[in-house]
Amino acid sequence: MNGIILINPNYAINDTSRQESFIIQKTLLSKYAEENNIQYTILNPYQIHSFYTIPHALLYDLNNIKEGVLDCLLLYSMNTQSRFIGMYPEKWLAIVSFFRNIYTIKDGLTTQEEKISS
């Protein structure tokens, strides 16, 4: 299964600092991917990390692939993207349209119907 990790570096988990929250997100998502045999998909050969932190950059790279739909998008929780979803709902719908499923560590599997209503 192939997938992409999207981390929000500005999201604070409970009372942790943003830096600690970033590390928590990265660690838990990487562990989840490893445990579930999810291979990172590198869309941009010049990408520094194996994950994305900017949804706009992810959408740009997704629009430039020829493969079509990917297996999954990995998030810590849907709340990590709530600000982006609120500001750019059409871009969020464009992003999720490239994935069969969205997996979140905190919330579980997000179905196709939930992706649209988020």
N, C-alpha and C. Protein backbone atom coordinates (compact mmCIF):
# COMPACT_ATOMS: atom_id res chain seq x y z
N MET A 1 0.85 -1.17 0.00
CA MET A 1 0.00 0.00 0.00
C MET A 1 0.90 1.24 0.00
N ASN A 2 0.49 2.25 -0.76
CA ASN A 2 1.29 3.47 -0.80
C ASN A 2 0.53 4.61 -0.12
N GLY A 3 1.28 5.54 0.44
CA GLY A 3 0.63 6.62 1.17
C GLY A 3 1.52 7.83 1.33
N ILE A 4 0.89 8.89 1.78
CA ILE A 4 1.58 10.15 2.03
C ILE A 4 1.20 10.61 3.44
N ILE A 5 2.19 11.12 4.15
CA ILE A 5 1.98 11.67 5.49
C ILE A 5 1.90 13.18 5.38
N LEU A 6 0.87 13.76 6.05
CA LEU A 6 0.72 15.21 6.12
C LEU A 6 0.71 15.61 7.58
N ILE A 7 1.69 16.41 7.97
CA ILE A 7 1.87 16.85 9.36
C ILE A 7 1.64 18.35 9.43
N ASN A 8 0.97 18.80 10.47
CA ASN A 8 0.79 20.23 10.70
C ASN A 8 1.80 20.67 11.77
N PRO A 9 2.84 21.41 11.38
CA PRO A 9 3.86 21.83 12.36
C PRO A 9 3.35 22.90 13.32
N ASN A 10 2.19 23.47 13.06
CA ASN A 10 1.64 24.52 13.92
C ASN A 10 0.54 24.03 14.85
N TYR A 11 0.27 22.74 14.82
CA TYR A 11 -0.78 22.16 15.65
C TYR A 11 -0.20 21.75 16.99
N ALA A 12 -0.88 22.15 18.08
CA ALA A 12 -0.43 21.79 19.43
C ALA A 12 -1.32 20.69 19.99
N ILE A 13 -0.72 19.58 20.34
CA ILE A 13 -1.44 18.46 20.95
C ILE A 13 -1.49 18.69 22.45
N ASN A 14 -2.70 18.83 22.97
CA ASN A 14 -2.93 19.09 24.40
C ASN A 14 -2.08 20.26 24.88
N ASP A 15 -1.24 20.05 25.88
CA ASP A 15 -0.43 21.14 26.44
C ASP A 15 1.01 21.13 25.95
N THR A 16 1.30 20.39 24.90
CA THR A 16 2.68 20.32 24.41
C THR A 16 3.00 21.53 23.53
N SER A 17 4.27 21.80 23.38
CA SER A 17 4.69 22.87 22.49
C SER A 17 4.49 22.42 21.05
N ARG A 18 4.56 23.37 20.14
CA ARG A 18 4.41 23.02 18.72
C ARG A 18 5.52 22.09 18.27
N GLN A 19 6.72 22.33 18.76
CA GLN A 19 7.85 21.47 18.38
C GLN A 19 7.64 20.05 18.88
N GLU A 20 7.20 19.91 20.13
CA GLU A 20 6.93 18.59 20.67
C GLU A 20 5.78 17.92 19.92
N SER A 21 4.76 18.67 19.59
CA SER A 21 3.62 18.14 18.84
C SER A 21 4.05 17.66 17.46
N PHE A 22 4.93 18.41 16.82
CA PHE A 22 5.45 18.00 15.52
C PHE A 22 6.16 16.66 15.63
N ILE A 23 6.99 16.52 16.64
CA ILE A 23 7.73 15.27 16.85
C ILE A 23 6.77 14.12 17.15
N ILE A 24 5.74 14.38 17.96
CA ILE A 24 4.75 13.34 18.27
C ILE A 24 4.04 12.90 16.99
N GLN A 25 3.57 13.86 16.19
CA GLN A 25 2.89 13.53 14.95
C GLN A 25 3.79 12.70 14.04
N LYS A 26 5.01 13.17 13.85
CA LYS A 26 5.95 12.49 12.95
C LYS A 26 6.24 11.07 13.44
N THR A 27 6.48 10.91 14.72
CA THR A 27 6.82 9.61 15.29
C THR A 27 5.65 8.63 15.18
N LEU A 28 4.47 9.06 15.59
CA LEU A 28 3.31 8.17 15.57
C LEU A 28 2.89 7.80 14.15
N LEU A 29 2.93 8.77 13.24
CA LEU A 29 2.56 8.48 11.86
C LEU A 29 3.57 7.55 11.19
N SER A 30 4.84 7.76 11.45
CA SER A 30 5.88 6.88 10.89
C SER A 30 5.73 5.47 11.43
N LYS A 31 5.45 5.36 12.72
CA LYS A 31 5.26 4.04 13.34
C LYS A 31 4.02 3.35 12.75
N TYR A 32 2.94 4.09 12.58
CA TYR A 32 1.72 3.53 12.00
C TYR A 32 1.98 3.03 10.58
N ALA A 33 2.69 3.84 9.80
CA ALA A 33 3.01 3.44 8.42
C ALA A 33 3.84 2.16 8.41
N GLU A 34 4.82 2.09 9.28
CA GLU A 34 5.68 0.90 9.34
C GLU A 34 4.89 -0.33 9.76
N GLU A 35 4.06 -0.20 10.79
CA GLU A 35 3.28 -1.34 11.29
C GLU A 35 2.26 -1.84 10.28
N ASN A 36 1.80 -0.97 9.39
CA ASN A 36 0.77 -1.33 8.42
C ASN A 36 1.31 -1.46 7.00
N ASN A 37 2.63 -1.57 6.88
CA ASN A 37 3.30 -1.76 5.59
C ASN A 37 2.89 -0.72 4.55
N ILE A 38 2.84 0.52 4.98
CA ILE A 38 2.52 1.62 4.07
C ILE A 38 3.85 2.23 3.60
N GLN A 39 4.05 2.18 2.30
CA GLN A 39 5.26 2.73 1.69
C GLN A 39 5.04 4.20 1.36
N TYR A 40 6.00 5.03 1.72
CA TYR A 40 5.90 6.46 1.40
C TYR A 40 5.98 6.66 -0.11
N THR A 41 5.09 7.47 -0.61
CA THR A 41 5.12 7.85 -2.02
C THR A 41 5.80 9.20 -2.11
N ILE A 42 6.87 9.27 -2.86
CA ILE A 42 7.58 10.53 -3.07
C ILE A 42 7.10 11.10 -4.40
N LEU A 43 6.36 12.19 -4.33
CA LEU A 43 5.81 12.80 -5.53
C LEU A 43 6.79 13.74 -6.21
N ASN A 44 7.63 14.36 -5.41
CA ASN A 44 8.58 15.34 -5.91
C ASN A 44 9.99 14.86 -5.59
N PRO A 45 10.81 14.58 -6.60
CA PRO A 45 12.15 14.07 -6.33
C PRO A 45 13.05 15.06 -5.57
N TYR A 46 12.65 16.32 -5.53
CA TYR A 46 13.43 17.34 -4.83
C TYR A 46 12.93 17.60 -3.41
N GLN A 47 11.96 16.85 -3.01
CA GLN A 47 11.36 16.96 -1.68
C GLN A 47 12.41 16.54 -0.64
N ILE A 48 12.55 17.33 0.41
CA ILE A 48 13.56 17.08 1.43
C ILE A 48 13.16 15.94 2.36
N HIS A 49 11.89 15.94 2.79
CA HIS A 49 11.41 14.95 3.76
C HIS A 49 10.49 13.93 3.07
N SER A 50 10.21 12.86 3.77
CA SER A 50 9.30 11.84 3.25
C SER A 50 7.85 12.16 3.59
N PHE A 51 7.61 13.33 4.17
CA PHE A 51 6.27 13.76 4.55
C PHE A 51 6.05 15.20 4.08
N TYR A 52 4.80 15.63 4.13
CA TYR A 52 4.45 17.01 3.77
C TYR A 52 4.02 17.78 5.01
N THR A 53 4.30 19.08 5.02
CA THR A 53 3.83 19.96 6.08
C THR A 53 2.99 21.10 5.52
N ILE A 54 2.94 21.22 4.21
CA ILE A 54 2.21 22.31 3.56
C ILE A 54 1.18 21.69 2.60
N PRO A 55 -0.11 21.81 2.94
CA PRO A 55 -1.13 21.22 2.08
C PRO A 55 -1.11 21.78 0.65
N HIS A 56 -0.79 23.05 0.49
CA HIS A 56 -0.72 23.63 -0.85
C HIS A 56 0.35 22.93 -1.70
N ALA A 57 1.49 22.64 -1.08
CA ALA A 57 2.57 21.94 -1.79
C ALA A 57 2.15 20.52 -2.14
N LEU A 58 1.45 19.87 -1.22
CA LEU A 58 0.95 18.52 -1.48
C LEU A 58 -0.01 18.54 -2.67
N LEU A 59 -0.93 19.48 -2.69
CA LEU A 59 -1.88 19.58 -3.80
C LEU A 59 -1.16 19.85 -5.11
N TYR A 60 -0.18 20.71 -5.09
CA TYR A 60 0.59 21.01 -6.30
C TYR A 60 1.25 19.73 -6.84
N ASP A 61 1.91 18.99 -5.95
CA ASP A 61 2.58 17.76 -6.38
C ASP A 61 1.58 16.69 -6.82
N LEU A 62 0.43 16.59 -6.14
CA LEU A 62 -0.59 15.63 -6.55
C LEU A 62 -1.12 15.94 -7.95
N ASN A 63 -1.27 17.22 -8.23
CA ASN A 63 -1.76 17.61 -9.56
C ASN A 63 -0.77 17.28 -10.67
N ASN A 64 0.49 17.05 -10.31
CA ASN A 64 1.52 16.76 -11.31
C ASN A 64 1.84 15.28 -11.46
N ILE A 65 1.13 14.42 -10.74
CA ILE A 65 1.39 12.99 -10.89
C ILE A 65 0.51 12.42 -11.99
N LYS A 66 0.96 11.32 -12.55
CA LYS A 66 0.23 10.67 -13.62
C LYS A 66 -0.44 9.39 -13.16
N GLU A 67 -0.14 8.97 -11.92
CA GLU A 67 -0.61 7.68 -11.42
C GLU A 67 -2.09 7.65 -11.05
N GLY A 68 -2.68 8.78 -10.77
CA GLY A 68 -4.08 8.80 -10.36
C GLY A 68 -4.23 8.70 -8.86
N VAL A 69 -5.07 7.80 -8.39
CA VAL A 69 -5.42 7.71 -6.98
C VAL A 69 -4.37 6.91 -6.21
N LEU A 70 -4.01 7.42 -5.02
CA LEU A 70 -3.08 6.75 -4.11
C LEU A 70 -3.90 6.03 -3.04
N ASP A 71 -3.27 5.10 -2.35
CA ASP A 71 -3.99 4.30 -1.36
C ASP A 71 -4.45 5.11 -0.15
N CYS A 72 -3.54 5.90 0.45
CA CYS A 72 -3.96 6.57 1.68
C CYS A 72 -3.18 7.84 1.99
N LEU A 73 -3.85 8.70 2.72
CA LEU A 73 -3.26 9.90 3.29
C LEU A 73 -3.26 9.68 4.80
N LEU A 74 -2.12 9.89 5.44
CA LEU A 74 -1.99 9.68 6.88
C LEU A 74 -1.93 11.03 7.59
N LEU A 75 -2.80 11.20 8.60
CA LEU A 75 -2.84 12.40 9.42
C LEU A 75 -2.85 11.99 10.89
N TYR A 76 -2.41 12.88 11.76
CA TYR A 76 -2.54 12.60 13.19
C TYR A 76 -4.02 12.61 13.57
N SER A 77 -4.74 13.66 13.15
CA SER A 77 -6.19 13.74 13.31
C SER A 77 -6.72 14.73 12.29
N MET A 78 -8.01 14.70 12.05
CA MET A 78 -8.60 15.65 11.13
C MET A 78 -8.47 17.07 11.67
N ASN A 79 -8.39 17.22 12.99
CA ASN A 79 -8.23 18.55 13.59
C ASN A 79 -6.95 19.24 13.15
N THR A 80 -5.94 18.47 12.79
CA THR A 80 -4.68 19.08 12.37
C THR A 80 -4.84 19.88 11.08
N GLN A 81 -5.87 19.55 10.31
CA GLN A 81 -6.09 20.25 9.04
C GLN A 81 -7.34 21.12 9.07
N SER A 82 -7.97 21.30 10.22
CA SER A 82 -9.24 22.02 10.29
C SER A 82 -9.12 23.47 9.82
N ARG A 83 -8.04 24.14 10.13
CA ARG A 83 -7.87 25.52 9.67
C ARG A 83 -7.78 25.58 8.15
N PHE A 84 -6.96 24.69 7.57
CA PHE A 84 -6.82 24.65 6.12
C PHE A 84 -8.17 24.31 5.47
N ILE A 85 -8.87 23.32 6.03
CA ILE A 85 -10.17 22.91 5.48
C ILE A 85 -11.15 24.08 5.54
N GLY A 86 -11.15 24.83 6.62
CA GLY A 86 -12.04 25.97 6.76
C GLY A 86 -11.74 27.09 5.79
N MET A 87 -10.45 27.33 5.54
CA MET A 87 -10.04 28.42 4.65
C MET A 87 -10.11 28.04 3.18
N TYR A 88 -9.82 26.76 2.88
CA TYR A 88 -9.73 26.30 1.49
C TYR A 88 -10.49 24.99 1.30
N PRO A 89 -11.79 24.99 1.49
CA PRO A 89 -12.53 23.71 1.39
C PRO A 89 -12.41 23.06 0.02
N GLU A 90 -12.37 23.86 -1.04
CA GLU A 90 -12.26 23.27 -2.38
C GLU A 90 -10.89 22.64 -2.60
N LYS A 91 -9.86 23.21 -2.02
CA LYS A 91 -8.52 22.61 -2.14
C LYS A 91 -8.44 21.33 -1.32
N TRP A 92 -9.09 21.29 -0.16
CA TRP A 92 -9.10 20.08 0.64
C TRP A 92 -9.79 18.95 -0.12
N LEU A 93 -10.93 19.27 -0.74
CA LEU A 93 -11.64 18.26 -1.52
C LEU A 93 -10.79 17.78 -2.68
N ALA A 94 -10.01 18.68 -3.28
CA ALA A 94 -9.12 18.28 -4.37
C ALA A 94 -8.03 17.34 -3.84
N ILE A 95 -7.48 17.64 -2.68
CA ILE A 95 -6.43 16.79 -2.09
C ILE A 95 -6.99 15.40 -1.81
N VAL A 96 -8.10 15.33 -1.08
CA VAL A 96 -8.62 14.01 -0.69
C VAL A 96 -9.13 13.20 -1.87
N SER A 97 -9.41 13.86 -2.97
CA SER A 97 -9.88 13.12 -4.15
C SER A 97 -8.78 12.24 -4.75
N PHE A 98 -7.54 12.47 -4.37
CA PHE A 98 -6.42 11.67 -4.86
C PHE A 98 -6.18 10.40 -4.03
N PHE A 99 -6.95 10.20 -2.94
CA PHE A 99 -6.71 9.09 -2.02
C PHE A 99 -7.95 8.22 -1.86
N ARG A 100 -7.72 6.91 -1.75
CA ARG A 100 -8.82 5.98 -1.49
C ARG A 100 -9.33 6.14 -0.06
N ASN A 101 -8.40 6.33 0.89
CA ASN A 101 -8.74 6.45 2.31
C ASN A 101 -7.85 7.48 2.98
N ILE A 102 -8.38 8.00 4.09
CA ILE A 102 -7.57 8.84 4.97
C ILE A 102 -7.51 8.11 6.30
N TYR A 103 -6.31 7.87 6.79
CA TYR A 103 -6.13 7.23 8.09
C TYR A 103 -5.63 8.28 9.06
N THR A 104 -6.25 8.31 10.24
CA THR A 104 -5.80 9.21 11.29
C THR A 104 -5.48 8.39 12.52
N ILE A 105 -4.42 8.73 13.18
CA ILE A 105 -3.99 8.01 14.38
C ILE A 105 -5.01 8.19 15.49
N LYS A 106 -5.50 9.39 15.65
CA LYS A 106 -6.41 9.70 16.75
C LYS A 106 -7.85 9.32 16.44
N ASP A 107 -8.30 9.53 15.20
CA ASP A 107 -9.71 9.37 14.86
C ASP A 107 -10.05 8.07 14.14
N GLY A 108 -9.06 7.35 13.64
CA GLY A 108 -9.32 6.12 12.89
C GLY A 108 -9.49 6.38 11.41
N LEU A 109 -10.10 5.44 10.71
CA LEU A 109 -10.30 5.53 9.26
C LEU A 109 -11.38 6.55 8.95
N THR A 110 -11.11 7.40 7.97
CA THR A 110 -12.10 8.34 7.49
C THR A 110 -12.63 7.81 6.17
N THR A 111 -13.92 7.65 6.09
CA THR A 111 -14.53 7.11 4.87
C THR A 111 -14.68 8.17 3.82
N GLN A 112 -15.04 7.77 2.62
CA GLN A 112 -15.22 8.70 1.52
C GLN A 112 -16.28 9.74 1.86
N GLU A 113 -17.37 9.36 2.53
CA GLU A 113 -18.43 10.30 2.90
C GLU A 113 -17.92 11.32 3.90
N GLU A 114 -17.12 10.89 4.86
CA GLU A 114 -16.57 11.80 5.86
C GLU A 114 -15.58 12.76 5.24
N LYS A 115 -14.84 12.31 4.24
CA LYS A 115 -13.88 13.20 3.58
C LYS A 115 -14.60 14.38 2.96
N ILE A 116 -15.75 14.15 2.40
CA ILE A 116 -16.50 15.21 1.72
C ILE A 116 -17.10 16.18 2.72
N SER A 117 -17.58 15.69 3.85
CA SER A 117 -18.24 16.55 4.81
C SER A 117 -17.27 17.28 5.74
N SER A 118 -16.02 16.92 5.75
CA SER A 118 -15.06 17.54 6.67
C SER A 118 -14.79 18.97 6.34
